[in-house]
Amino acid sequence: MKPRHKRLLLILAGLAALGVAAALVLSAFKQNLVFFYTPTQVLAGEAPHGRSFRLGGMVVAGSLVRQADGVTVHFLVTDLSKTIPVNYRGILPDLFKEGKGVVAQGKLDGASNFTADEVLAKHDENYMPPEAAYALKKGQEANKLNNAPK
């Protein structure tokens, strides 16, 4: 085999190895990618079934129910247009409060029940995740359109 052919074979082998590595990285990235959805989007069927995603909005005031075991809680999340029940088993963050912003990561179980694996609360009274703020704004706009006199 000529040196030119050896070099070409080495370059092709390097490109093939690089392609395999890129495919593995992209595959791992796709499996760990978690999207954010609002209650309106979830009820419209836009959220994935059987895959983890993030649900964001406001905790409905008066909706928090703690079970006797002390670690299981149920609450409602709204984007001021639609509402979804959330079930969570674990310790809630210290900043978790009714009427405040929340992002829960988990899966849908059934048509509209969300089972959270993780619950994140906002950091202070001025902070809200950009996705949650946008979702609340869209929910308010949709609510105004739905309640407008016809």
Protein backbone atom coordinates (compact mmCIF):
# COMPACT_ATOMS: atom_id res chain seq x y z
CA MET A 1 0.00 0.00 0.00
CA LYS A 2 1.31 3.42 -0.94
CA PRO A 3 1.86 6.09 1.73
CA ARG A 4 -0.87 8.21 0.14
CA HIS A 5 -3.39 5.36 0.60
CA LYS A 6 -2.29 4.82 4.20
CA ARG A 7 -2.80 8.50 4.94
CA LEU A 8 -6.24 8.47 3.31
CA LEU A 9 -7.21 5.36 5.27
CA LEU A 10 -6.03 6.98 8.51
CA ILE A 11 -8.00 10.16 7.78
CA LEU A 12 -11.15 8.16 6.96
CA ALA A 13 -10.79 6.12 10.16
CA GLY A 14 -10.38 9.35 12.16
CA LEU A 15 -13.48 10.87 10.56
CA ALA A 16 -15.48 7.70 11.26
CA ALA A 17 -14.39 7.74 14.92
CA LEU A 18 -15.31 11.43 15.18
CA GLY A 19 -18.73 10.71 13.65
CA VAL A 20 -19.40 7.89 16.12
CA ALA A 21 -18.35 10.09 19.05
CA ALA A 22 -20.61 12.93 17.86
CA ALA A 23 -23.55 10.53 17.49
CA LEU A 24 -23.06 9.22 21.04
CA VAL A 25 -22.86 12.74 22.49
CA LEU A 26 -26.00 13.85 20.66
CA SER A 27 -27.85 10.71 21.74
CA ALA A 28 -26.95 11.30 25.40
CA PHE A 29 -27.94 14.96 25.08
CA LYS A 30 -31.32 14.07 23.59
CA GLN A 31 -32.10 11.59 26.38
CA ASN A 32 -31.28 14.15 29.09
CA LEU A 33 -33.05 17.09 27.46
CA VAL A 34 -35.98 18.31 29.58
CA PHE A 35 -38.48 20.75 28.08
CA PHE A 36 -40.66 23.29 29.90
CA TYR A 37 -44.45 23.29 29.46
CA THR A 38 -47.33 25.28 30.94
CA PRO A 39 -50.59 23.74 32.16
CA THR A 40 -52.32 25.04 29.02
CA GLN A 41 -49.78 23.28 26.79
CA VAL A 42 -50.02 20.05 28.80
CA LEU A 43 -53.82 19.97 28.59
CA ALA A 44 -53.60 20.72 24.86
CA GLY A 45 -51.54 17.54 24.43
CA GLU A 46 -48.24 19.25 23.57
CA ALA A 47 -46.31 17.65 26.46
CA PRO A 48 -44.66 14.26 25.95
CA HIS A 49 -46.28 11.16 27.46
CA GLY A 50 -43.90 8.74 29.16
CA ARG A 51 -41.00 11.25 29.19
CA SER A 52 -39.89 13.64 31.87
CA PHE A 53 -40.57 17.36 31.39
CA ARG A 54 -40.91 20.50 33.48
CA LEU A 55 -44.26 21.99 34.40
CA GLY A 56 -44.23 25.62 35.47
CA GLY A 57 -46.67 28.17 36.79
CA MET A 58 -48.13 29.40 40.05
CA VAL A 59 -49.24 27.25 42.98
CA VAL A 60 -52.98 27.83 43.45
CA ALA A 61 -53.67 29.39 46.86
CA GLY A 62 -55.40 26.94 49.20
CA SER A 63 -54.61 23.90 47.04
CA LEU A 64 -51.74 22.40 49.07
CA VAL A 65 -52.77 19.14 50.78
CA ARG A 66 -50.28 17.18 52.87
CA GLN A 67 -50.79 13.46 53.47
CA ALA A 68 -50.48 11.83 56.89
CA ASP A 69 -47.07 10.32 56.00
CA GLY A 70 -45.60 13.85 56.04
CA VAL A 71 -43.77 13.61 52.72
CA THR A 72 -46.54 13.25 50.14
CA VAL A 73 -48.18 16.46 48.96
CA HIS A 74 -50.76 17.38 46.35
CA PHE A 75 -51.21 20.87 44.92
CA LEU A 76 -52.49 22.63 41.83
CA VAL A 77 -50.34 24.53 39.33
CA THR A 78 -51.89 27.18 37.09
CA ASP A 79 -50.80 29.53 34.34
CA LEU A 80 -53.88 31.64 35.14
CA SER A 81 -55.71 29.99 32.25
CA LYS A 82 -55.62 26.23 32.97
CA THR A 83 -54.81 24.20 36.09
CA ILE A 84 -53.11 20.81 36.60
CA PRO A 85 -52.94 18.69 39.77
CA VAL A 86 -49.42 17.79 40.90
CA ASN A 87 -48.45 14.88 43.19
CA TYR A 88 -45.05 14.98 44.86
CA ARG A 89 -43.38 12.68 47.34
CA GLY A 90 -40.46 14.35 49.08
CA ILE A 91 -39.50 17.41 51.03
CA LEU A 92 -40.62 20.68 49.49
CA PRO A 93 -38.11 23.54 49.17
CA ASP A 94 -38.17 26.10 52.00
CA LEU A 95 -39.30 28.84 49.61
CA PHE A 96 -42.28 26.80 48.31
CA LYS A 97 -45.51 28.71 49.05
CA GLU A 98 -49.03 28.86 47.74
CA GLY A 99 -49.58 31.72 45.32
CA LYS A 100 -45.91 31.73 44.29
CA GLY A 101 -44.05 30.48 41.22
CA VAL A 102 -42.97 26.85 40.95
CA VAL A 103 -41.32 24.54 38.44
CA ALA A 104 -41.91 20.80 38.89
CA GLN A 105 -40.04 18.13 36.95
CA GLY A 106 -41.70 14.77 36.38
CA LYS A 107 -44.12 12.85 34.16
CA LEU A 108 -47.80 12.71 33.35
CA ASP A 109 -49.67 9.78 34.84
CA GLY A 110 -52.96 9.52 33.06
CA ALA A 111 -54.57 12.32 31.13
CA SER A 112 -53.85 15.33 33.32
CA ASN A 113 -52.24 14.24 36.62
CA PHE A 114 -48.59 15.22 36.95
CA THR A 115 -46.27 13.23 39.24
CA ALA A 116 -43.23 15.31 40.15
CA ASP A 117 -39.79 13.91 40.94
CA GLU A 118 -38.41 17.33 41.81
CA VAL A 119 -39.98 20.65 42.83
CA LEU A 120 -38.14 23.95 42.43
CA ALA A 121 -39.28 27.19 44.06
CA LYS A 122 -38.37 30.72 43.10
CA HIS A 123 -35.35 32.33 44.78
CA ASP A 124 -36.74 35.61 46.08
CA GLU A 125 -39.76 37.81 45.58
CA ASN A 126 -38.32 39.45 42.46
CA TYR A 127 -37.15 36.33 40.63
CA MET A 128 -39.17 34.05 38.41
CA PRO A 129 -37.80 31.72 35.74
CA PRO A 130 -38.19 33.40 32.34
CA GLU A 131 -40.24 30.47 31.03
CA ALA A 132 -42.65 30.71 33.98
CA ALA A 133 -43.02 34.49 33.60
CA TYR A 134 -43.73 34.07 29.88
CA ALA A 135 -46.24 31.29 30.58
CA LEU A 136 -48.10 33.40 33.13
CA LYS A 137 -48.23 36.34 30.72
CA LYS A 138 -49.61 34.10 27.94
CA GLY A 139 -52.13 32.60 30.39
CA GLN A 140 -53.36 36.03 31.43
CA GLU A 141 -53.75 37.07 27.79
CA ALA A 142 -55.68 33.88 26.98
CA ASN A 143 -57.86 34.40 30.05
CA LYS A 144 -58.69 37.96 28.96
CA LEU A 145 -59.61 36.77 25.45
CA ASN A 146 -61.82 33.97 26.81
CA ASN A 147 -63.62 36.28 29.24
CA ALA A 148 -64.06 39.19 26.82
CA PRO A 149 -67.69 40.14 26.13
CA LYS A 150 -68.94 38.82 22.80
